[in-house]
Amino acid sequence: MRKSSWPFGQVPRFAKLAIMNLAFIGLGKMGAGMARNLLRAGHTVTVYNRSREKAQALAADGARMADSPADACHNAEVVMTMVADDHALDEIVYGRHGIATAMKAYVEKVGQDRIYTRDRD
């Protein structure tokens, strides 16, 4: 059983099935806190941020640091982003080494005012 920060040091039985491989991109004030809580819950979390210092802080808590958004989501079951605006999200998803280059099926993008779905070619 993996080490966790649950109150008694182990992930409870009911939570074992819920442990996932996650990617978290965007580690500002909100994103870092969310990613840290996912780590504390026992999930495997790979993180990416444009400034590596923010990712290094989470690596000290057990996260794997990625070199690009595509690298972060390579083996992820779920990819979460917490970035400033639609332009930043477009770069993270569709830019060079973006999430869309590594996803197996499709990408759903939730912007501030819209949702996009793009089928893989």
PDB file of N, CA and C in Angstrom:
ATOM      1  N   MET A   1       0.850  -1.176   0.000  1.00  0.00           N
ATOM      2  CA  MET A   1       0.000   0.000   0.000  1.00  0.00           C
ATOM      3  C   MET A   1       0.894   1.237   0.000  1.00  0.00           C
ATOM      4  N   ARG A   2       0.513   2.253  -0.771  1.00  0.00           N
ATOM      5  CA  ARG A   2       1.341   3.443  -0.861  1.00  0.00           C
ATOM      6  C   ARG A   2       1.225   4.322   0.380  1.00  0.00           C
ATOM      7  N   LYS A   3       2.295   5.036   0.634  1.00  0.00           N
ATOM      8  CA  LYS A   3       2.330   5.945   1.773  1.00  0.00           C
ATOM      9  C   LYS A   3       1.416   7.127   1.481  1.00  0.00           C
ATOM     10  N   SER A   4       0.741   7.607   2.476  1.00  0.00           N
ATOM     11  CA  SER A   4      -0.211   8.688   2.305  1.00  0.00           C
ATOM     12  C   SER A   4      -0.193   9.598   3.519  1.00  0.00           C
ATOM     13  N   SER A   5      -0.826  10.731   3.393  1.00  0.00           N
ATOM     14  CA  SER A   5      -0.933  11.624   4.536  1.00  0.00           C
ATOM     15  C   SER A   5      -2.342  11.571   5.126  1.00  0.00           C
ATOM     16  N   TRP A   6      -3.029  10.474   4.908  1.00  0.00           N
ATOM     17  CA  TRP A   6      -4.328  10.284   5.568  1.00  0.00           C
ATOM     18  C   TRP A   6      -4.073  10.267   7.069  1.00  0.00           C
ATOM     19  N   PRO A   7      -5.083  10.548   7.893  1.00  0.00           N
ATOM     20  CA  PRO A   7      -4.875  10.680   9.331  1.00  0.00           C
ATOM     21  C   PRO A   7      -4.123   9.520   9.980  1.00  0.00           C
ATOM     22  N   PHE A   8      -4.343   8.301   9.545  1.00  0.00           N
ATOM     23  CA  PHE A   8      -3.680   7.170  10.170  1.00  0.00           C
ATOM     24  C   PHE A   8      -2.547   6.619   9.317  1.00  0.00           C
ATOM     25  N   GLY A   9      -2.103   7.392   8.320  1.00  0.00           N
ATOM     26  CA  GLY A   9      -0.913   7.044   7.556  1.00  0.00           C
ATOM     27  C   GLY A   9      -1.112   6.133   6.368  1.00  0.00           C
ATOM     28  N   GLN A  10      -2.296   5.543   6.208  1.00  0.00           N
ATOM     29  CA  GLN A  10      -2.545   4.671   5.069  1.00  0.00           C
ATOM     30  C   GLN A  10      -3.843   5.079   4.398  1.00  0.00           C
ATOM     31  N   VAL A  11      -3.903   4.846   3.106  1.00  0.00           N
ATOM     32  CA  VAL A  11      -5.128   5.134   2.369  1.00  0.00           C
ATOM     33  C   VAL A  11      -6.176   4.111   2.794  1.00  0.00           C
ATOM     34  N   PRO A  12      -7.360   4.549   3.221  1.00  0.00           N
ATOM     35  CA  PRO A  12      -8.384   3.597   3.637  1.00  0.00           C
ATOM     36  C   PRO A  12      -8.820   2.676   2.497  1.00  0.00           C
ATOM     37  N   ARG A  13      -9.353   1.514   2.844  1.00  0.00           N
ATOM     38  CA  ARG A  13      -9.759   0.545   1.830  1.00  0.00           C
ATOM     39  C   ARG A  13     -10.725   1.126   0.812  1.00  0.00           C
ATOM     40  N   PHE A  14     -11.703   1.913   1.278  1.00  0.00           N
ATOM     41  CA  PHE A  14     -12.695   2.447   0.356  1.00  0.00           C
ATOM     42  C   PHE A  14     -12.071   3.378  -0.679  1.00  0.00           C
ATOM     43  N   ALA A  15     -10.914   3.926  -0.408  1.00  0.00           N
ATOM     44  CA  ALA A  15     -10.281   4.873  -1.319  1.00  0.00           C
ATOM     45  C   ALA A  15      -9.305   4.209  -2.281  1.00  0.00           C
ATOM     46  N   LYS A  16      -8.971   2.955  -2.072  1.00  0.00           N
ATOM     47  CA  LYS A  16      -7.985   2.298  -2.920  1.00  0.00           C
ATOM     48  C   LYS A  16      -8.368   2.324  -4.395  1.00  0.00           C
ATOM     49  N   LEU A  17      -9.626   2.102  -4.692  1.00  0.00           N
ATOM     50  CA  LEU A  17     -10.060   2.062  -6.085  1.00  0.00           C
ATOM     51  C   LEU A  17     -10.037   3.440  -6.730  1.00  0.00           C
ATOM     52  N   ALA A  18     -10.050   4.478  -5.923  1.00  0.00           N
ATOM     53  CA  ALA A  18     -10.123   5.829  -6.457  1.00  0.00           C
ATOM     54  C   ALA A  18      -8.757   6.439  -6.749  1.00  0.00           C
ATOM     55  N   ILE A  19      -7.670   5.773  -6.369  1.00  0.00           N
ATOM     56  CA  ILE A  19      -6.349   6.336  -6.603  1.00  0.00           C
ATOM     57  C   ILE A  19      -6.057   6.322  -8.099  1.00  0.00           C
ATOM     58  N   MET A  20      -5.615   7.464  -8.609  1.00  0.00           N
ATOM     59  CA  MET A  20      -5.418   7.617 -10.044  1.00  0.00           C
ATOM     60  C   MET A  20      -4.066   8.229 -10.360  1.00  0.00           C
ATOM     61  N   ASN A  21      -3.673   8.087 -11.636  1.00  0.00           N
ATOM     62  CA  ASN A  21      -2.510   8.796 -12.174  1.00  0.00           C
ATOM     63  C   ASN A  21      -3.036  10.099 -12.754  1.00  0.00           C
ATOM     64  N   LEU A  22      -2.626  11.203 -12.172  1.00  0.00           N
ATOM     65  CA  LEU A  22      -3.139  12.513 -12.553  1.00  0.00           C
ATOM     66  C   LEU A  22      -2.026  13.410 -13.067  1.00  0.00           C
ATOM     67  N   ALA A  23      -2.400  14.333 -13.935  1.00  0.00           N
ATOM     68  CA  ALA A  23      -1.486  15.392 -14.362  1.00  0.00           C
ATOM     69  C   ALA A  23      -2.108  16.713 -13.937  1.00  0.00           C
ATOM     70  N   PHE A  24      -1.284  17.606 -13.409  1.00  0.00           N
ATOM     71  CA  PHE A  24      -1.760  18.929 -13.019  1.00  0.00           C
ATOM     72  C   PHE A  24      -0.840  19.959 -13.632  1.00  0.00           C
ATOM     73  N   ILE A  25      -1.423  20.857 -14.412  1.00  0.00           N
ATOM     74  CA  ILE A  25      -0.662  21.872 -15.136  1.00  0.00           C
ATOM     75  C   ILE A  25      -1.148  23.249 -14.704  1.00  0.00           C
ATOM     76  N   GLY A  26      -0.230  24.050 -14.213  1.00  0.00           N
ATOM     77  CA  GLY A  26      -0.561  25.381 -13.725  1.00  0.00           C
ATOM     78  C   GLY A  26      -0.540  25.383 -12.208  1.00  0.00           C
ATOM     79  N   LEU A  27       0.561  25.839 -11.635  1.00  0.00           N
ATOM     80  CA  LEU A  27       0.778  25.710 -10.194  1.00  0.00           C
ATOM     81  C   LEU A  27       0.880  27.058  -9.498  1.00  0.00           C
ATOM     82  N   GLY A  28      -0.032  27.944  -9.838  1.00  0.00           N
ATOM     83  CA  GLY A  28      -0.122  29.208  -9.114  1.00  0.00           C
ATOM     84  C   GLY A  28      -0.713  28.956  -7.738  1.00  0.00           C
ATOM     85  N   LYS A  29      -1.235  29.986  -7.104  1.00  0.00           N
ATOM     86  CA  LYS A  29      -1.778  29.835  -5.751  1.00  0.00           C
ATOM     87  C   LYS A  29      -2.865  28.761  -5.697  1.00  0.00           C
ATOM     88  N   MET A  30      -3.797  28.801  -6.609  1.00  0.00           N
ATOM     89  CA  MET A  30      -4.891  27.846  -6.587  1.00  0.00           C
ATOM     90  C   MET A  30      -4.442  26.460  -7.056  1.00  0.00           C
ATOM     91  N   GLY A  31      -3.703  26.406  -8.166  1.00  0.00           N
ATOM     92  CA  GLY A  31      -3.276  25.124  -8.715  1.00  0.00           C
ATOM     93  C   GLY A  31      -2.357  24.353  -7.788  1.00  0.00           C
ATOM     94  N   ALA A  32      -1.426  25.030  -7.147  1.00  0.00           N
ATOM     95  CA  ALA A  32      -0.494  24.357  -6.229  1.00  0.00           C
ATOM     96  C   ALA A  32      -1.240  23.736  -5.055  1.00  0.00           C
ATOM     97  N   GLY A  33      -2.192  24.452  -4.513  1.00  0.00           N
ATOM     98  CA  GLY A  33      -2.978  23.926  -3.398  1.00  0.00           C
ATOM     99  C   GLY A  33      -3.801  22.716  -3.807  1.00  0.00           C
ATOM    100  N   MET A  34      -4.392  22.772  -4.985  1.00  0.00           N
ATOM    101  CA  MET A  34      -5.191  21.645  -5.469  1.00  0.00           C
ATOM    102  C   MET A  34      -4.313  20.423  -5.717  1.00  0.00           C
ATOM    103  N   ALA A  35      -3.171  20.620  -6.358  1.00  0.00           N
ATOM    104  CA  ALA A  35      -2.258  19.508  -6.638  1.00  0.00           C
ATOM    105  C   ALA A  35      -1.734  18.901  -5.340  1.00  0.00           C
ATOM    106  N   ARG A  36      -1.417  19.732  -4.378  1.00  0.00           N
ATOM    107  CA  ARG A  36      -0.925  19.233  -3.084  1.00  0.00           C
ATOM    108  C   ARG A  36      -1.998  18.389  -2.385  1.00  0.00           C
ATOM    109  N   ASN A  37      -3.246  18.817  -2.446  1.00  0.00           N
ATOM    110  CA  ASN A  37      -4.326  18.039  -1.840  1.00  0.00           C
ATOM    111  C   ASN A  37      -4.502  16.691  -2.538  1.00  0.00           C
ATOM    112  N   LEU A  38      -4.307  16.649  -3.845  1.00  0.00           N
ATOM    113  CA  LEU A  38      -4.390  15.381  -4.576  1.00  0.00           C
ATOM    114  C   LEU A  38      -3.270  14.440  -4.141  1.00  0.00           C
ATOM    115  N   LEU A  39      -2.081  14.976  -3.934  1.00  0.00           N
ATOM    116  CA  LEU A  39      -0.970  14.169  -3.424  1.00  0.00           C
ATOM    117  C   LEU A  39      -1.287  13.630  -2.030  1.00  0.00           C
ATOM    118  N   ARG A  40      -1.807  14.487  -1.178  1.00  0.00           N
ATOM    119  CA  ARG A  40      -2.145  14.073   0.190  1.00  0.00           C
ATOM    120  C   ARG A  40      -3.202  12.971   0.204  1.00  0.00           C
ATOM    121  N   ALA A  41      -4.064  12.974  -0.798  1.00  0.00           N
ATOM    122  CA  ALA A  41      -5.113  11.953  -0.891  1.00  0.00           C
ATOM    123  C   ALA A  41      -4.571  10.631  -1.414  1.00  0.00           C
ATOM    124  N   GLY A  42      -3.286  10.613  -1.807  1.00  0.00           N
ATOM    125  CA  GLY A  42      -2.660   9.366  -2.229  1.00  0.00           C
ATOM    126  C   GLY A  42      -2.558   9.170  -3.723  1.00  0.00           C
ATOM    127  N   HIS A  43      -2.993  10.141  -4.514  1.00  0.00           N
ATOM    128  CA  HIS A  43      -2.901  10.018  -5.962  1.00  0.00           C
ATOM    129  C   HIS A  43      -1.464  10.179  -6.443  1.00  0.00           C
ATOM    130  N   THR A  44      -1.172   9.609  -7.587  1.00  0.00           N
ATOM    131  CA  THR A  44       0.100   9.848  -8.263  1.00  0.00           C
ATOM    132  C   THR A  44      -0.103  11.093  -9.116  1.00  0.00           C
ATOM    133  N   VAL A  45       0.669  12.124  -8.863  1.00  0.00           N
ATOM    134  CA  VAL A  45       0.462  13.401  -9.551  1.00  0.00           C
ATOM    135  C   VAL A  45       1.751  13.813 -10.263  1.00  0.00           C
ATOM    136  N   THR A  46       1.613  14.078 -11.554  1.00  0.00           N
ATOM    137  CA  THR A  46       2.709  14.640 -12.343  1.00  0.00           C
ATOM    138  C   THR A  46       2.368  16.101 -12.580  1.00  0.00           C
ATOM    139  N   VAL A  47       3.326  16.988 -12.332  1.00  0.00           N
ATOM    140  CA  VAL A  47       3.061  18.423 -12.407  1.00  0.00           C
ATOM    141  C   VAL A  47       3.931  19.096 -13.461  1.00  0.00           C
ATOM    142  N   TYR A  48       3.365  20.167 -14.033  1.00  0.00           N
ATOM    143  CA  TYR A  48       4.117  21.011 -14.958  1.00  0.00           C
ATOM    144  C   TYR A  48       3.731  22.448 -14.693  1.00  0.00           C
ATOM    145  N   ASN A  49       4.728  23.300 -14.724  1.00  0.00           N
ATOM    146  CA  ASN A  49       4.517  24.743 -14.644  1.00  0.00           C
ATOM    147  C   ASN A  49       5.608  25.416 -15.455  1.00  0.00           C
ATOM    148  N   ARG A  50       5.283  26.544 -16.070  1.00  0.00           N
ATOM    149  CA  ARG A  50       6.300  27.244 -16.873  1.00  0.00           C
ATOM    150  C   ARG A  50       7.525  27.595 -16.042  1.00  0.00           C
ATOM    151  N   SER A  51       7.326  28.011 -14.805  1.00  0.00           N
ATOM    152  CA  SER A  51       8.467  28.259 -13.918  1.00  0.00           C
ATOM    153  C   SER A  51       8.674  27.008 -13.067  1.00  0.00           C
ATOM    154  N   ARG A  52       9.823  26.380 -13.246  1.00  0.00           N
ATOM    155  CA  ARG A  52      10.100  25.087 -12.619  1.00  0.00           C
ATOM    156  C   ARG A  52      10.121  25.131 -11.092  1.00  0.00           C
ATOM    157  N   GLU A  53      10.398  26.291 -10.512  1.00  0.00           N
ATOM    158  CA  GLU A  53      10.472  26.384  -9.052  1.00  0.00           C
ATOM    159  C   GLU A  53       9.163  25.942  -8.403  1.00  0.00           C
ATOM    160  N   LYS A  54       8.047  26.298  -9.027  1.00  0.00           N
ATOM    161  CA  LYS A  54       6.746  25.924  -8.461  1.00  0.00           C
ATOM    162  C   LYS A  54       6.536  24.419  -8.533  1.00  0.00           C
ATOM    163  N   ALA A  55       7.005  23.804  -9.602  1.00  0.00           N
ATOM    164  CA  ALA A  55       6.902  22.347  -9.726  1.00  0.00           C
ATOM    165  C   ALA A  55       7.856  21.659  -8.741  1.00  0.00           C
ATOM    166  N   GLN A  56       9.024  22.238  -8.522  1.00  0.00           N
ATOM    167  CA  GLN A  56       9.993  21.652  -7.590  1.00  0.00           C
ATOM    168  C   GLN A  56       9.446  21.610  -6.170  1.00  0.00           C
ATOM    169  N   ALA A  57       8.679  22.616  -5.797  1.00  0.00           N
ATOM    170  CA  ALA A  57       8.084  22.634  -4.458  1.00  0.00           C
ATOM    171  C   ALA A  57       7.153  21.438  -4.275  1.00  0.00           C
ATOM    172  N   LEU A  58       6.407  21.076  -5.303  1.00  0.00           N
ATOM    173  CA  LEU A  58       5.509  19.927  -5.208  1.00  0.00           C
ATOM    174  C   LEU A  58       6.264  18.610  -5.350  1.00  0.00           C
ATOM    175  N   ALA A  59       7.372  18.633  -6.070  1.00  0.00           N
ATOM    176  CA  ALA A  59       8.201  17.419  -6.171  1.00  0.00           C
ATOM    177  C   ALA A  59       8.716  17.026  -4.790  1.00  0.00           C
ATOM    178  N   ALA A  60       8.981  18.018  -3.960  1.00  0.00           N
ATOM    179  CA  ALA A  60       9.421  17.735  -2.594  1.00  0.00           C
ATOM    180  C   ALA A  60       8.329  17.029  -1.791  1.00  0.00           C
ATOM    181  N   ASP A  61       7.069  17.187  -2.224  1.00  0.00           N
ATOM    182  CA  ASP A  61       5.938  16.519  -1.568  1.00  0.00           C
ATOM    183  C   ASP A  61       5.571  15.199  -2.239  1.00  0.00           C
ATOM    184  N   GLY A  62       6.336  14.801  -3.262  1.00  0.00           N
ATOM    185  CA  GLY A  62       6.091  13.505  -3.896  1.00  0.00           C
ATOM    186  C   GLY A  62       5.596  13.544  -5.321  1.00  0.00           C
ATOM    187  N   ALA A  63       5.401  14.731  -5.888  1.00  0.00           N
ATOM    188  CA  ALA A  63       4.948  14.811  -7.279  1.00  0.00           C
ATOM    189  C   ALA A  63       6.109  14.532  -8.232  1.00  0.00           C
ATOM    190  N   ARG A  64       5.778  14.056  -9.424  1.00  0.00           N
ATOM    191  CA  ARG A  64       6.774  13.893 -10.481  1.00  0.00           C
ATOM    192  C   ARG A  64       6.757  15.165 -11.309  1.00  0.00           C
ATOM    193  N   MET A  65       7.927  15.713 -11.602  1.00  0.00           N
ATOM    194  CA  MET A  65       8.022  16.922 -12.422  1.00  0.00           C
ATOM    195  C   MET A  65       8.108  16.536 -13.890  1.00  0.00           C
ATOM    196  N   ALA A  66       7.353  17.244 -14.702  1.00  0.00           N
ATOM    197  CA  ALA A  66       7.372  17.014 -16.146  1.00  0.00           C
ATOM    198  C   ALA A  66       8.107  18.153 -16.837  1.00  0.00           C
ATOM    199  N   ASP A  67       8.659  17.846 -18.031  1.00  0.00           N
ATOM    200  CA  ASP A  67       9.380  18.854 -18.799  1.00  0.00           C
ATOM    201  C   ASP A  67       8.485  19.635 -19.748  1.00  0.00           C
ATOM    202  N   SER A  68       7.274  19.146 -19.992  1.00  0.00           N
ATOM    203  CA  SER A  68       6.331  19.817 -20.891  1.00  0.00           C
ATOM    204  C   SER A  68       4.921  19.379 -20.532  1.00  0.00           C
ATOM    205  N   PRO A  69       3.905  20.091 -21.031  1.00  0.00           N
ATOM    206  CA  PRO A  69       2.532  19.633 -20.793  1.00  0.00           C
ATOM    207  C   PRO A  69       2.300  18.224 -21.344  1.00  0.00           C
ATOM    208  N   ALA A  70       2.862  17.928 -22.521  1.00  0.00           N
ATOM    209  CA  ALA A  70       2.701  16.585 -23.103  1.00  0.00           C
ATOM    210  C   ALA A  70       3.331  15.533 -22.209  1.00  0.00           C
ATOM    211  N   ASP A  71       4.498  15.820 -21.671  1.00  0.00           N
ATOM    212  CA  ASP A  71       5.170  14.891 -20.770  1.00  0.00           C
ATOM    213  C   ASP A  71       4.334  14.670 -19.510  1.00  0.00           C
ATOM    214  N   ALA A  72       3.718  15.704 -19.020  1.00  0.00           N
ATOM    215  CA  ALA A  72       2.913  15.596 -17.797  1.00  0.00           C
ATOM    216  C   ALA A  72       1.736  14.651 -17.977  1.00  0.00           C
ATOM    217  N   CYS A  73       1.119  14.673 -19.140  1.00  0.00           N
ATOM    218  CA  CYS A  73      -0.102  13.881 -19.304  1.00  0.00           C
ATOM    219  C   CYS A  73       0.112  12.564 -20.040  1.00  0.00           C
ATOM    220  N   HIS A  74       1.357  12.200 -20.283  1.00  0.00           N
ATOM    221  CA  HIS A  74       1.658  10.984 -21.041  1.00  0.00           C
ATOM    222  C   HIS A  74       0.945   9.753 -20.491  1.00  0.00           C
ATOM    223  N   ASN A  75       0.992   9.498 -19.208  1.00  0.00           N
ATOM    224  CA  ASN A  75       0.343   8.327 -18.608  1.00  0.00           C
ATOM    225  C   ASN A  75      -0.827   8.691 -17.699  1.00  0.00           C
ATOM    226  N   ALA A  76      -1.310   9.897 -17.819  1.00  0.00           N
ATOM    227  CA  ALA A  76      -2.366  10.360 -16.919  1.00  0.00           C
ATOM    228  C   ALA A  76      -3.738   9.839 -17.330  1.00  0.00           C
ATOM    229  N   GLU A  77      -4.521   9.518 -16.321  1.00  0.00           N
ATOM    230  CA  GLU A  77      -5.921   9.157 -16.545  1.00  0.00           C
ATOM    231  C   GLU A  77      -6.780  10.414 -16.639  1.00  0.00           C
ATOM    232  N   VAL A  78      -6.365  11.442 -15.918  1.00  0.00           N
ATOM    233  CA  VAL A  78      -7.069  12.719 -15.913  1.00  0.00           C
ATOM    234  C   VAL A  78      -6.027  13.826 -15.944  1.00  0.00           C
ATOM    235  N   VAL A  79      -6.286  14.852 -16.753  1.00  0.00           N
ATOM    236  CA  VAL A  79      -5.404  16.020 -16.821  1.00  0.00           C
ATOM    237  C   VAL A  79      -6.191  17.233 -16.343  1.00  0.00           C
ATOM    238  N   MET A  80      -5.631  17.955 -15.376  1.00  0.00           N
ATOM    239  CA  MET A  80      -6.268  19.161 -14.861  1.00  0.00           C
ATOM    240  C   MET A  80      -5.380  20.360 -15.140  1.00  0.00           C
ATOM    241  N   THR A  81      -5.998  21.452 -15.509  1.00  0.00           N
ATOM    242  CA  THR A  81      -5.248  22.686 -15.733  1.00  0.00           C
ATOM    243  C   THR A  81      -5.829  23.799 -14.881  1.00  0.00           C
ATOM    244  N   MET A  82      -4.961  24.675 -14.438  1.00  0.00           N
ATOM    245  CA  MET A  82      -5.378  25.853 -13.694  1.00  0.00           C
ATOM    246  C   MET A  82      -4.477  26.992 -14.159  1.00  0.00           C
ATOM    247  N   VAL A  83      -4.842  27.570 -15.294  1.00  0.00           N
ATOM    248  CA  VAL A  83      -4.028  28.626 -15.892  1.00  0.00           C
ATOM    249  C   VAL A  83      -4.815  29.929 -15.954  1.00  0.00           C
ATOM    250  N   ALA A  84      -4.128  31.014 -16.287  1.00  0.00           N
ATOM    251  CA  ALA A  84      -4.677  32.360 -16.140  1.00  0.00           C
ATOM    252  C   ALA A  84      -5.840  32.692 -17.072  1.00  0.00           C
ATOM    253  N   ASP A  85      -5.766  32.257 -18.333  1.00  0.00           N
ATOM    254  CA  ASP A  85      -6.783  32.697 -19.283  1.00  0.00           C
ATOM    255  C   ASP A  85      -6.830  31.746 -20.485  1.00  0.00           C
ATOM    256  N   ASP A  86      -7.722  32.048 -21.431  1.00  0.00           N
ATOM    257  CA  ASP A  86      -7.898  31.192 -22.608  1.00  0.00           C
ATOM    258  C   ASP A  86      -6.643  31.110 -23.464  1.00  0.00           C
ATOM    259  N   HIS A  87      -5.900  32.201 -23.569  1.00  0.00           N
ATOM    260  CA  HIS A  87      -4.671  32.179 -24.363  1.00  0.00           C
ATOM    261  C   HIS A  87      -3.660  31.197 -23.762  1.00  0.00           C
ATOM    262  N   ALA A  88      -3.484  31.258 -22.456  1.00  0.00           N
ATOM    263  CA  ALA A  88      -2.569  30.328 -21.785  1.00  0.00           C
ATOM    264  C   ALA A  88      -3.054  28.895 -21.953  1.00  0.00           C
ATOM    265  N   LEU A  89      -4.363  28.681 -21.884  1.00  0.00           N
ATOM    266  CA  LEU A  89      -4.914  27.346 -22.051  1.00  0.00           C
ATOM    267  C   LEU A  89      -4.702  26.831 -23.472  1.00  0.00           C
ATOM    268  N   ASP A  90      -4.879  27.695 -24.465  1.00  0.00           N
ATOM    269  CA  ASP A  90      -4.610  27.299 -25.861  1.00  0.00           C
ATOM    270  C   ASP A  90      -3.171  26.834 -26.025  1.00  0.00           C
ATOM    271  N   GLU A  91      -2.223  27.544 -25.432  1.00  0.00           N
ATOM    272  CA  GLU A  91      -0.814  27.159 -25.518  1.00  0.00           C
ATOM    273  C   GLU A  91      -0.553  25.813 -24.841  1.00  0.00           C
ATOM    274  N   ILE A  92      -1.135  25.627 -23.679  1.00  0.00           N
ATOM    275  CA  ILE A  92      -0.947  24.382 -22.929  1.00  0.00           C
ATOM    276  C   ILE A  92      -1.548  23.188 -23.679  1.00  0.00           C
ATOM    277  N   VAL A  93      -2.699  23.394 -24.309  1.00  0.00           N
ATOM    278  CA  VAL A  93      -3.388  22.291 -24.980  1.00  0.00           C
ATOM    279  C   VAL A  93      -2.878  22.078 -26.398  1.00  0.00           C
ATOM    280  N   TYR A  94      -2.829  23.135 -27.205  1.00  0.00           N
ATOM    281  CA  TYR A  94      -2.568  22.991 -28.632  1.00  0.00           C
ATOM    282  C   TYR A  94      -1.187  23.454 -29.073  1.00  0.00           C
ATOM    283  N   GLY A  95      -0.396  24.008 -28.177  1.00  0.00           N
ATOM    284  CA  GLY A  95       0.931  24.500 -28.531  1.00  0.00           C
ATOM    285  C   GLY A  95       1.928  23.369 -28.734  1.00  0.00           C
ATOM    286  N   ARG A  96       3.157  23.759 -29.056  1.00  0.00           N
ATOM    287  CA  ARG A  96       4.232  22.774 -29.226  1.00  0.00           C
ATOM    288  C   ARG A  96       4.417  22.001 -27.917  1.00  0.00           C
ATOM    289  N   HIS A  97       4.425  20.701 -27.976  1.00  0.00           N
ATOM    290  CA  HIS A  97       4.497  19.820 -26.802  1.00  0.00           C
ATOM    291  C   HIS A  97       3.304  20.012 -25.882  1.00  0.00           C
ATOM    292  N   GLY A  98       2.143  20.333 -26.487  1.00  0.00           N
ATOM    293  CA  GLY A  98       0.925  20.535 -25.717  1.00  0.00           C
ATOM    294  C   GLY A  98       0.232  19.228 -25.371  1.00  0.00           C
ATOM    295  N   ILE A  99      -0.768  19.344 -24.542  1.00  0.00           N
ATOM    296  CA  ILE A  99      -1.527  18.185 -24.089  1.00  0.00           C
ATOM    297  C   ILE A  99      -2.093  17.387 -25.255  1.00  0.00           C
ATOM    298  N   ALA A 100      -2.587  18.073 -26.273  1.00  0.00           N
ATOM    299  CA  ALA A 100      -3.228  17.392 -27.403  1.00  0.00           C
ATOM    300  C   ALA A 100      -2.284  16.445 -28.134  1.00  0.00           C
ATOM    301  N   THR A 101      -0.983  16.683 -28.056  1.00  0.00           N
ATOM    302  CA  THR A 101      -0.037  15.796 -28.736  1.00  0.00           C
ATOM    303  C   THR A 101       0.149  14.475 -28.009  1.00  0.00           C
ATOM    304  N   ALA A 102      -0.287  14.408 -26.745  1.00  0.00           N
ATOM    305  CA  ALA A 102      -0.050  13.203 -25.950  1.00  0.00           C
ATOM    306  C   ALA A 102      -1.322  12.458 -25.556  1.00  0.00           C
ATOM    307  N   MET A 103      -2.465  13.066 -25.744  1.00  0.00           N
ATOM    308  CA  MET A 103      -3.704  12.415 -25.326  1.00  0.00           C
ATOM    309  C   MET A 103      -4.033  11.246 -26.238  1.00  0.00           C
ATOM    310  N   LYS A 104      -4.626  10.205 -25.663  1.00  0.00           N
ATOM    311  CA  LYS A 104      -4.929   8.998 -26.417  1.00  0.00           C
ATOM    312  C   LYS A 104      -6.223   9.107 -27.217  1.00  0.00           C
ATOM    313  N   ALA A 105      -7.234   9.777 -26.697  1.00  0.00           N
ATOM    314  CA  ALA A 105      -8.523   9.799 -27.374  1.00  0.00           C
ATOM    315  C   ALA A 105      -8.877  11.188 -27.888  1.00  0.00           C
ATOM    316  N   TYR A 106      -9.224  12.088 -27.015  1.00  0.00           N
ATOM    317  CA  TYR A 106      -9.616  13.422 -27.417  1.00  0.00           C
ATOM    318  C   TYR A 106      -9.316  14.403 -26.304  1.00  0.00           C
ATOM    319  N   VAL A 107      -9.462  15.653 -26.627  1.00  0.00           N
ATOM    320  CA  VAL A 107      -9.210  16.708 -25.650  1.00  0.00           C
ATOM    321  C   VAL A 107     -10.491  17.485 -25.468  1.00  0.00           C
ATOM    322  N   GLU A 108     -10.897  17.671 -24.237  1.00  0.00           N
ATOM    323  CA  GLU A 108     -11.988  18.590 -23.941  1.00  0.00           C
ATOM    324  C   GLU A 108     -11.366  19.800 -23.297  1.00  0.00           C
ATOM    325  N   LYS A 109     -11.739  20.955 -23.767  1.00  0.00           N
ATOM    326  CA  LYS A 109     -11.174  22.185 -23.233  1.00  0.00           C
ATOM    327  C   LYS A 109     -12.295  23.028 -22.672  1.00  0.00           C
ATOM    328  N   VAL A 110     -12.158  23.416 -21.436  1.00  0.00           N
ATOM    329  CA  VAL A 110     -13.127  24.300 -20.811  1.00  0.00           C
ATOM    330  C   VAL A 110     -12.450  25.647 -20.653  1.00  0.00           C
ATOM    331  N   GLY A 111     -12.955  26.640 -21.360  1.00  0.00           N
ATOM    332  CA  GLY A 111     -12.430  27.991 -21.246  1.00  0.00           C
ATOM    333  C   GLY A 111     -13.279  28.775 -20.274  1.00  0.00           C
ATOM    334  N   GLN A 112     -13.043  30.041 -20.202  1.00  0.00           N
ATOM    335  CA  GLN A 112     -13.814  30.859 -19.287  1.00  0.00           C
ATOM    336  C   GLN A 112     -15.270  30.966 -19.716  1.00  0.00           C
ATOM    337  N   ASP A 113     -15.537  30.843 -21.014  1.00  0.00           N
ATOM    338  CA  ASP A 113     -16.911  30.990 -21.468  1.00  0.00           C
ATOM    339  C   ASP A 113     -17.329  29.962 -22.511  1.00  0.00           C
ATOM    340  N   ARG A 114     -16.536  28.897 -22.689  1.00  0.00           N
ATOM    341  CA  ARG A 114     -16.901  27.923 -23.710  1.00  0.00           C
ATOM    342  C   ARG A 114     -16.225  26.579 -23.471  1.00  0.00           C
ATOM    343  N   ILE A 115     -16.763  25.547 -24.118  1.00  0.00           N
ATOM    344  CA  ILE A 115     -16.199  24.205 -24.043  1.00  0.00           C
ATOM    345  C   ILE A 115     -15.965  23.728 -25.463  1.00  0.00           C
ATOM    346  N   TYR A 116     -14.800  23.136 -25.716  1.00  0.00           N
ATOM    347  CA  TYR A 116     -14.448  22.604 -27.018  1.00  0.00           C
ATOM    348  C   TYR A 116     -14.177  21.115 -26.911  1.00  0.00           C
ATOM    349  N   THR A 117     -14.536  20.386 -27.928  1.00  0.00           N
ATOM    350  CA  THR A 117     -14.134  18.995 -28.025  1.00  0.00           C
ATOM    351  C   THR A 117     -13.485  18.801 -29.390  1.00  0.00           C
ATOM    352  N   ARG A 118     -12.330  18.179 -29.399  1.00  0.00           N
ATOM    353  CA  ARG A 118     -11.595  17.967 -30.656  1.00  0.00           C
ATOM    354  C   ARG A 118     -11.265  16.491 -30.752  1.00  0.00           C
ATOM    355  N   ASP A 119     -11.728  15.819 -31.813  1.00  0.00           N
ATOM    356  CA  ASP A 119     -11.393  14.417 -32.026  1.00  0.00           C
ATOM    357  C   ASP A 119      -9.959  14.294 -32.480  1.00  0.00           C
ATOM    358  N   ARG A 120      -9.309  13.195 -32.058  1.00  0.00           N
ATOM    359  CA  ARG A 120      -7.938  12.920 -32.507  1.00  0.00           C
ATOM    360  C   ARG A 120      -7.968  12.456 -33.946  1.00  0.00           C
ATOM    361  N   ASP A 121      -6.955  12.832 -34.695  1.00  0.00           N
ATOM    362  CA  ASP A 121      -6.854  12.397 -36.092  1.00  0.00           C
ATOM    363  C   ASP A 121      -6.320  10.994 -36.164  1.00  0.00           C
TER     364      ASP A 121
END
